[in-house]
């Protein structure tokens, strides 16, 4: 017995059955927000002028959003029982770039250097999680 009218059957795609698409969207949002925050906090010369202060504030807010999305995606991948390397790669932006952004002083380029490793790792985790067989 089905809930559909007239006994119709719906095709459920294999990728949707595992619900990897919303997880992939969350990881993608984390990567995008982290990239925007890296662009906003990249200052070669810093001065206490209102434009620089506002740019840093907005960049750190984007990093906060990217970190929250990254932590949520890592927890979700652990709940979905993806391989451990997928979870670690998805958590790389918050572990490297997020902590460096929150700790480093404004004219530092440390978050951008760590982002060169963290964002490709998150992309690898995204690809690994989508192609994983899952539970």
N, C-alpha and C. Protein backbone atom coordinates (compact mmCIF):
# COMPACT_ATOMS: atom_id res chain seq x y z
N UNK A 1 0.85 -1.18 0.00
CA UNK A 1 0.00 0.00 0.00
C UNK A 1 0.90 1.24 0.00
N UNK A 2 0.56 2.17 -0.84
CA UNK A 2 1.35 3.40 -0.94
C UNK A 2 0.49 4.60 -0.58
N UNK A 3 1.14 5.69 -0.25
CA UNK A 3 0.44 6.94 0.04
C UNK A 3 0.10 7.73 -1.21
N UNK A 4 0.67 7.32 -2.32
CA UNK A 4 0.48 8.09 -3.54
C UNK A 4 -0.92 7.83 -4.12
N UNK A 5 -1.49 8.85 -4.72
CA UNK A 5 -2.83 8.67 -5.30
C UNK A 5 -2.78 7.74 -6.50
N UNK A 6 -3.73 6.84 -6.58
CA UNK A 6 -3.83 5.95 -7.72
C UNK A 6 -2.77 4.86 -7.72
N UNK A 7 -2.10 4.63 -6.61
CA UNK A 7 -1.10 3.58 -6.54
C UNK A 7 0.13 3.85 -7.38
N UNK A 8 0.43 5.12 -7.68
CA UNK A 8 1.61 5.47 -8.48
C UNK A 8 2.87 5.18 -7.68
N UNK A 9 3.91 4.86 -8.39
CA UNK A 9 5.20 4.63 -7.75
C UNK A 9 6.17 5.71 -8.22
N UNK A 10 6.97 6.19 -7.31
CA UNK A 10 7.94 7.23 -7.62
C UNK A 10 9.33 6.64 -7.64
N UNK A 11 10.12 7.16 -8.52
CA UNK A 11 11.50 6.70 -8.61
C UNK A 11 12.32 7.51 -7.63
N UNK A 12 13.02 6.81 -6.74
CA UNK A 12 13.89 7.48 -5.79
C UNK A 12 15.32 7.21 -6.24
N UNK A 13 16.01 8.26 -6.57
CA UNK A 13 17.38 8.13 -7.04
C UNK A 13 18.28 7.62 -5.91
N UNK A 14 19.30 6.86 -6.30
CA UNK A 14 20.20 6.29 -5.31
C UNK A 14 20.91 7.36 -4.50
N UNK A 15 21.32 8.48 -5.14
CA UNK A 15 22.04 9.52 -4.43
C UNK A 15 21.14 10.27 -3.46
N UNK A 16 19.83 10.30 -3.71
CA UNK A 16 18.94 10.99 -2.79
C UNK A 16 18.56 10.10 -1.62
N UNK A 17 18.51 8.79 -1.84
CA UNK A 17 18.15 7.87 -0.79
C UNK A 17 19.14 7.98 0.37
N UNK A 18 20.40 8.15 0.05
CA UNK A 18 21.42 8.29 1.08
C UNK A 18 21.51 9.70 1.64
N UNK A 19 20.78 10.64 1.07
CA UNK A 19 20.75 12.04 1.49
C UNK A 19 22.15 12.66 1.52
N UNK A 20 22.95 12.33 0.53
CA UNK A 20 24.27 12.93 0.45
C UNK A 20 24.20 14.34 -0.13
N UNK A 21 23.13 14.65 -0.83
CA UNK A 21 23.02 15.97 -1.45
C UNK A 21 22.92 17.11 -0.44
N UNK A 22 22.09 17.03 0.61
CA UNK A 22 22.09 18.12 1.61
C UNK A 22 23.42 18.23 2.34
N UNK A 23 24.06 17.09 2.62
CA UNK A 23 25.37 17.11 3.27
C UNK A 23 26.39 17.79 2.36
N UNK A 24 26.34 17.47 1.08
CA UNK A 24 27.27 18.09 0.13
C UNK A 24 27.02 19.59 0.03
N UNK A 25 25.76 20.00 0.11
CA UNK A 25 25.45 21.43 0.12
C UNK A 25 26.02 22.14 1.33
N UNK A 26 25.98 21.46 2.48
CA UNK A 26 26.54 22.04 3.69
C UNK A 26 28.05 22.17 3.60
N UNK A 27 28.70 21.15 3.06
CA UNK A 27 30.15 21.22 2.87
C UNK A 27 30.51 22.31 1.85
N UNK A 28 29.73 22.41 0.79
CA UNK A 28 29.96 23.46 -0.20
C UNK A 28 29.79 24.84 0.38
N UNK A 29 28.77 25.01 1.23
CA UNK A 29 28.58 26.30 1.91
C UNK A 29 29.76 26.62 2.81
N UNK A 30 30.28 25.60 3.48
CA UNK A 30 31.44 25.81 4.34
C UNK A 30 32.65 26.26 3.53
N UNK A 31 32.87 25.63 2.38
CA UNK A 31 34.01 25.99 1.54
C UNK A 31 33.85 27.41 1.00
N UNK A 32 32.65 27.76 0.56
CA UNK A 32 32.41 29.10 0.01
C UNK A 32 32.56 30.17 1.08
N UNK A 33 31.96 29.96 2.25
CA UNK A 33 32.06 30.95 3.34
C UNK A 33 33.50 31.11 3.80
N UNK A 34 34.25 30.01 3.87
CA UNK A 34 35.65 30.10 4.27
C UNK A 34 36.47 30.85 3.23
N UNK A 35 36.19 30.61 1.95
CA UNK A 35 36.90 31.33 0.89
C UNK A 35 36.61 32.83 0.93
N UNK A 36 35.35 33.19 1.17
CA UNK A 36 35.00 34.61 1.26
C UNK A 36 35.70 35.24 2.46
N UNK A 37 35.74 34.52 3.57
CA UNK A 37 36.40 35.09 4.75
C UNK A 37 37.89 35.26 4.53
N UNK A 38 38.50 34.34 3.81
CA UNK A 38 39.93 34.49 3.52
C UNK A 38 40.19 35.71 2.65
N UNK A 39 39.29 35.97 1.71
CA UNK A 39 39.44 37.15 0.87
C UNK A 39 39.24 38.43 1.67
N UNK A 40 38.30 38.42 2.58
CA UNK A 40 38.00 39.62 3.37
C UNK A 40 39.08 39.93 4.40
N UNK A 41 39.75 38.92 4.92
CA UNK A 41 40.76 39.16 5.95
C UNK A 41 42.17 39.27 5.38
N UNK A 42 42.33 39.22 4.07
CA UNK A 42 43.66 39.34 3.47
C UNK A 42 44.01 40.81 3.31
N UNK A 43 44.82 41.30 4.20
CA UNK A 43 45.26 42.69 4.16
C UNK A 43 46.79 42.71 4.18
N UNK A 44 47.36 43.40 3.23
CA UNK A 44 48.82 43.49 3.19
C UNK A 44 49.31 44.66 4.04
N UNK A 45 48.53 45.69 4.12
CA UNK A 45 48.88 46.85 4.95
C UNK A 45 47.65 47.18 5.78
N UNK A 46 47.82 47.21 7.07
CA UNK A 46 46.69 47.44 7.95
C UNK A 46 46.86 48.76 8.66
N UNK A 47 45.80 49.50 8.71
CA UNK A 47 45.76 50.74 9.47
C UNK A 47 44.43 50.82 10.19
N UNK A 48 44.37 51.51 11.30
CA UNK A 48 43.11 51.55 12.06
C UNK A 48 42.09 52.51 11.45
N UNK A 49 41.86 52.37 10.17
CA UNK A 49 40.83 53.18 9.52
C UNK A 49 39.53 52.37 9.48
N UNK A 50 38.41 53.04 9.46
CA UNK A 50 37.13 52.32 9.53
C UNK A 50 36.90 51.29 8.41
N UNK A 51 37.44 51.52 7.23
CA UNK A 51 37.25 50.56 6.14
C UNK A 51 37.92 49.23 6.44
N UNK A 52 39.15 49.28 6.96
CA UNK A 52 39.87 48.05 7.29
C UNK A 52 39.20 47.33 8.46
N UNK A 53 38.79 48.08 9.45
CA UNK A 53 38.15 47.47 10.62
C UNK A 53 36.85 46.78 10.22
N UNK A 54 36.07 47.43 9.37
CA UNK A 54 34.81 46.83 8.92
C UNK A 54 35.06 45.61 8.05
N UNK A 55 36.06 45.68 7.20
CA UNK A 55 36.40 44.53 6.34
C UNK A 55 36.82 43.33 7.18
N UNK A 56 37.62 43.56 8.21
CA UNK A 56 38.01 42.47 9.10
C UNK A 56 36.82 41.91 9.87
N UNK A 57 35.95 42.79 10.32
CA UNK A 57 34.78 42.33 11.08
C UNK A 57 33.89 41.44 10.22
N UNK A 58 33.65 41.86 8.98
CA UNK A 58 32.82 41.07 8.08
C UNK A 58 33.51 39.75 7.73
N UNK A 59 34.82 39.79 7.50
CA UNK A 59 35.56 38.57 7.21
C UNK A 59 35.53 37.57 8.35
N UNK A 60 35.63 38.07 9.55
CA UNK A 60 35.56 37.16 10.70
C UNK A 60 34.16 36.62 10.92
N UNK A 61 33.14 37.39 10.58
CA UNK A 61 31.77 36.86 10.65
C UNK A 61 31.55 35.76 9.61
N UNK A 62 32.10 35.96 8.41
CA UNK A 62 32.02 34.90 7.40
C UNK A 62 32.77 33.66 7.87
N UNK A 63 33.91 33.86 8.54
CA UNK A 63 34.66 32.71 9.05
C UNK A 63 33.88 31.99 10.13
N UNK A 64 33.16 32.73 10.94
CA UNK A 64 32.33 32.11 11.97
C UNK A 64 31.24 31.24 11.32
N UNK A 65 30.62 31.76 10.27
CA UNK A 65 29.61 30.98 9.56
C UNK A 65 30.21 29.76 8.87
N UNK A 66 31.37 29.93 8.25
CA UNK A 66 32.05 28.80 7.61
C UNK A 66 32.48 27.75 8.61
N UNK A 67 32.92 28.20 9.78
CA UNK A 67 33.32 27.25 10.82
C UNK A 67 32.12 26.46 11.35
N UNK A 68 31.02 27.15 11.55
CA UNK A 68 29.81 26.46 12.02
C UNK A 68 29.34 25.43 10.99
N UNK A 69 29.37 25.80 9.71
CA UNK A 69 28.97 24.85 8.67
C UNK A 69 29.95 23.68 8.58
N UNK A 70 31.22 23.94 8.77
CA UNK A 70 32.22 22.88 8.71
C UNK A 70 32.07 21.92 9.88
N UNK A 71 31.84 22.44 11.07
CA UNK A 71 31.64 21.57 12.24
C UNK A 71 30.38 20.74 12.07
N UNK A 72 29.31 21.36 11.59
CA UNK A 72 28.06 20.62 11.39
C UNK A 72 28.24 19.53 10.33
N UNK A 73 28.95 19.83 9.24
CA UNK A 73 29.17 18.83 8.19
C UNK A 73 30.05 17.69 8.70
N UNK A 74 31.06 18.01 9.52
CA UNK A 74 31.91 16.96 10.08
C UNK A 74 31.13 16.05 11.03
N UNK A 75 30.29 16.66 11.86
CA UNK A 75 29.46 15.85 12.76
C UNK A 75 28.47 15.00 11.98
N UNK A 76 27.89 15.58 10.95
CA UNK A 76 26.93 14.84 10.12
C UNK A 76 27.62 13.69 9.39
N UNK A 77 28.83 13.90 8.91
CA UNK A 77 29.54 12.82 8.23
C UNK A 77 29.91 11.71 9.20
N UNK A 78 30.19 12.05 10.45
CA UNK A 78 30.49 11.03 11.44
C UNK A 78 29.22 10.25 11.80
N UNK A 79 28.10 10.94 11.88
CA UNK A 79 26.82 10.26 12.16
C UNK A 79 26.46 9.34 11.00
N UNK A 80 26.72 9.77 9.78
CA UNK A 80 26.41 8.96 8.59
C UNK A 80 27.42 7.84 8.38
N UNK A 81 28.42 7.76 9.23
CA UNK A 81 29.44 6.71 9.20
C UNK A 81 30.25 6.71 7.91
N UNK A 82 30.61 7.92 7.47
CA UNK A 82 31.55 8.03 6.37
C UNK A 82 32.92 7.63 6.90
N UNK A 83 33.87 7.35 6.01
CA UNK A 83 35.23 7.05 6.50
C UNK A 83 35.81 8.22 7.30
N UNK A 84 36.72 7.90 8.19
CA UNK A 84 37.29 8.92 9.08
C UNK A 84 38.01 10.01 8.30
N UNK A 85 38.66 9.65 7.21
CA UNK A 85 39.39 10.66 6.44
C UNK A 85 38.44 11.70 5.85
N UNK A 86 37.21 11.30 5.51
CA UNK A 86 36.24 12.26 5.00
C UNK A 86 35.87 13.26 6.09
N UNK A 87 35.65 12.77 7.29
CA UNK A 87 35.30 13.65 8.41
C UNK A 87 36.44 14.62 8.72
N UNK A 88 37.67 14.11 8.71
CA UNK A 88 38.82 14.97 9.00
C UNK A 88 39.03 16.01 7.90
N UNK A 89 38.84 15.63 6.66
CA UNK A 89 39.00 16.59 5.56
C UNK A 89 37.92 17.66 5.59
N UNK A 90 36.69 17.26 5.94
CA UNK A 90 35.60 18.23 6.00
C UNK A 90 35.82 19.20 7.17
N UNK A 91 36.44 18.73 8.24
CA UNK A 91 36.70 19.58 9.41
C UNK A 91 37.97 20.41 9.26
N UNK A 92 38.72 20.23 8.19
CA UNK A 92 39.99 20.96 8.01
C UNK A 92 39.83 22.47 7.97
N UNK A 93 38.81 23.04 7.32
CA UNK A 93 38.71 24.51 7.32
C UNK A 93 38.55 25.11 8.71
N UNK A 94 37.77 24.48 9.55
CA UNK A 94 37.59 25.05 10.89
C UNK A 94 38.83 24.82 11.74
N UNK A 95 39.50 23.69 11.54
CA UNK A 95 40.68 23.39 12.35
C UNK A 95 41.87 24.27 11.97
N UNK A 96 42.03 24.54 10.70
CA UNK A 96 43.19 25.31 10.27
C UNK A 96 42.88 26.79 10.08
N UNK A 97 42.00 27.08 9.15
CA UNK A 97 41.74 28.47 8.78
C UNK A 97 40.96 29.21 9.86
N UNK A 98 39.96 28.56 10.42
CA UNK A 98 39.13 29.20 11.44
C UNK A 98 39.92 29.59 12.68
N UNK A 99 40.71 28.66 13.16
CA UNK A 99 41.50 28.97 14.36
C UNK A 99 42.57 30.02 14.06
N UNK A 100 43.19 29.94 12.89
CA UNK A 100 44.21 30.93 12.54
C UNK A 100 43.58 32.32 12.35
N UNK A 101 42.37 32.38 11.80
CA UNK A 101 41.70 33.67 11.62
C UNK A 101 41.36 34.29 12.96
N UNK A 102 40.91 33.49 13.89
CA UNK A 102 40.50 34.03 15.18
C UNK A 102 41.70 34.36 16.08
N UNK A 103 42.82 33.72 15.87
CA UNK A 103 43.97 33.92 16.76
C UNK A 103 44.96 34.95 16.21
N UNK A 104 45.18 34.95 14.88
CA UNK A 104 46.23 35.79 14.29
C UNK A 104 45.87 37.26 14.36
N UNK A 105 46.89 38.08 14.39
CA UNK A 105 46.68 39.53 14.36
C UNK A 105 46.36 39.95 12.92
N UNK A 106 45.70 41.08 12.71
CA UNK A 106 45.16 41.44 11.39
C UNK A 106 46.12 41.43 10.20
N UNK A 107 47.35 41.95 10.27
CA UNK A 107 48.13 41.94 9.03
C UNK A 107 48.76 40.58 8.70
N UNK A 108 48.40 39.52 9.42
CA UNK A 108 48.98 38.21 9.20
C UNK A 108 48.33 37.51 8.00
N UNK A 109 49.14 36.81 7.23
CA UNK A 109 48.64 36.03 6.11
C UNK A 109 48.61 34.54 6.42
N UNK A 110 48.73 34.18 7.69
CA UNK A 110 48.72 32.77 8.09
C UNK A 110 47.42 32.07 7.71
N UNK A 111 46.23 32.67 7.90
CA UNK A 111 45.00 31.98 7.47
C UNK A 111 44.96 31.69 5.97
N UNK A 112 45.50 32.58 5.17
CA UNK A 112 45.49 32.36 3.73
C UNK A 112 46.44 31.23 3.34
N UNK A 113 47.60 31.15 4.01
CA UNK A 113 48.54 30.07 3.73
C UNK A 113 47.94 28.73 4.14
N UNK A 114 47.31 28.68 5.31
CA UNK A 114 46.68 27.44 5.74
C UNK A 114 45.46 27.09 4.89
N UNK A 115 44.82 28.09 4.34
CA UNK A 115 43.70 27.85 3.45
C UNK A 115 44.09 27.16 2.16
N UNK A 116 45.36 27.33 1.74
CA UNK A 116 45.85 26.63 0.56
C UNK A 116 45.83 25.11 0.75
N UNK A 117 45.87 24.66 2.00
CA UNK A 117 45.81 23.23 2.29
C UNK A 117 44.41 22.79 2.73
N UNK A 118 43.72 23.65 3.47
CA UNK A 118 42.44 23.27 4.06
C UNK A 118 41.31 23.20 3.05
N UNK A 119 41.22 24.14 2.14
CA UNK A 119 40.11 24.14 1.18
C UNK A 119 40.20 22.99 0.17
N UNK A 120 41.38 22.66 -0.38
CA UNK A 120 41.44 21.45 -1.22
C UNK A 120 41.15 20.17 -0.42
N UNK A 121 41.55 20.14 0.86
CA UNK A 121 41.23 18.97 1.68
C UNK A 121 39.73 18.85 1.88
N UNK A 122 39.05 19.97 2.09
CA UNK A 122 37.60 19.94 2.25
C UNK A 122 36.93 19.50 0.95
N UNK A 123 37.47 19.94 -0.18
CA UNK A 123 36.92 19.51 -1.47
C UNK A 123 37.13 18.01 -1.67
N UNK A 124 38.28 17.50 -1.26
CA UNK A 124 38.54 16.06 -1.34
C UNK A 124 37.57 15.29 -0.43
N UNK A 125 37.32 15.82 0.76
CA UNK A 125 36.34 15.19 1.66
C UNK A 125 34.94 15.21 1.07
N UNK A 126 34.60 16.31 0.40
CA UNK A 126 33.29 16.40 -0.26
C UNK A 126 33.15 15.33 -1.34
N UNK A 127 34.16 15.19 -2.17
CA UNK A 127 34.12 14.19 -3.24
C UNK A 127 34.12 12.78 -2.65
N UNK A 128 34.92 12.56 -1.62
CA UNK A 128 34.95 11.26 -0.97
C UNK A 128 33.64 10.89 -0.30
N UNK A 129 32.97 11.88 0.28
CA UNK A 129 31.69 11.60 0.94
C UNK A 129 30.58 11.34 -0.05
N UNK A 130 30.58 12.05 -1.17
CA UNK A 130 29.53 11.85 -2.17
C UNK A 130 29.71 10.50 -2.88
N UNK A 131 30.94 10.10 -3.14
CA UNK A 131 31.18 8.84 -3.83
C UNK A 131 31.24 7.65 -2.89
N UNK A 132 31.21 7.88 -1.58
CA UNK A 132 31.25 6.80 -0.60
C UNK A 132 29.98 5.98 -0.66
N UNK A 133 30.09 4.71 -0.37
CA UNK A 133 28.92 3.84 -0.37
C UNK A 133 27.97 4.15 0.76
N UNK A 134 28.51 4.63 1.88
CA UNK A 134 27.65 5.02 3.01
C UNK A 134 27.09 3.81 3.73
N UNK A 135 26.24 4.05 4.73
CA UNK A 135 25.69 2.94 5.52
C UNK A 135 24.66 2.14 4.76
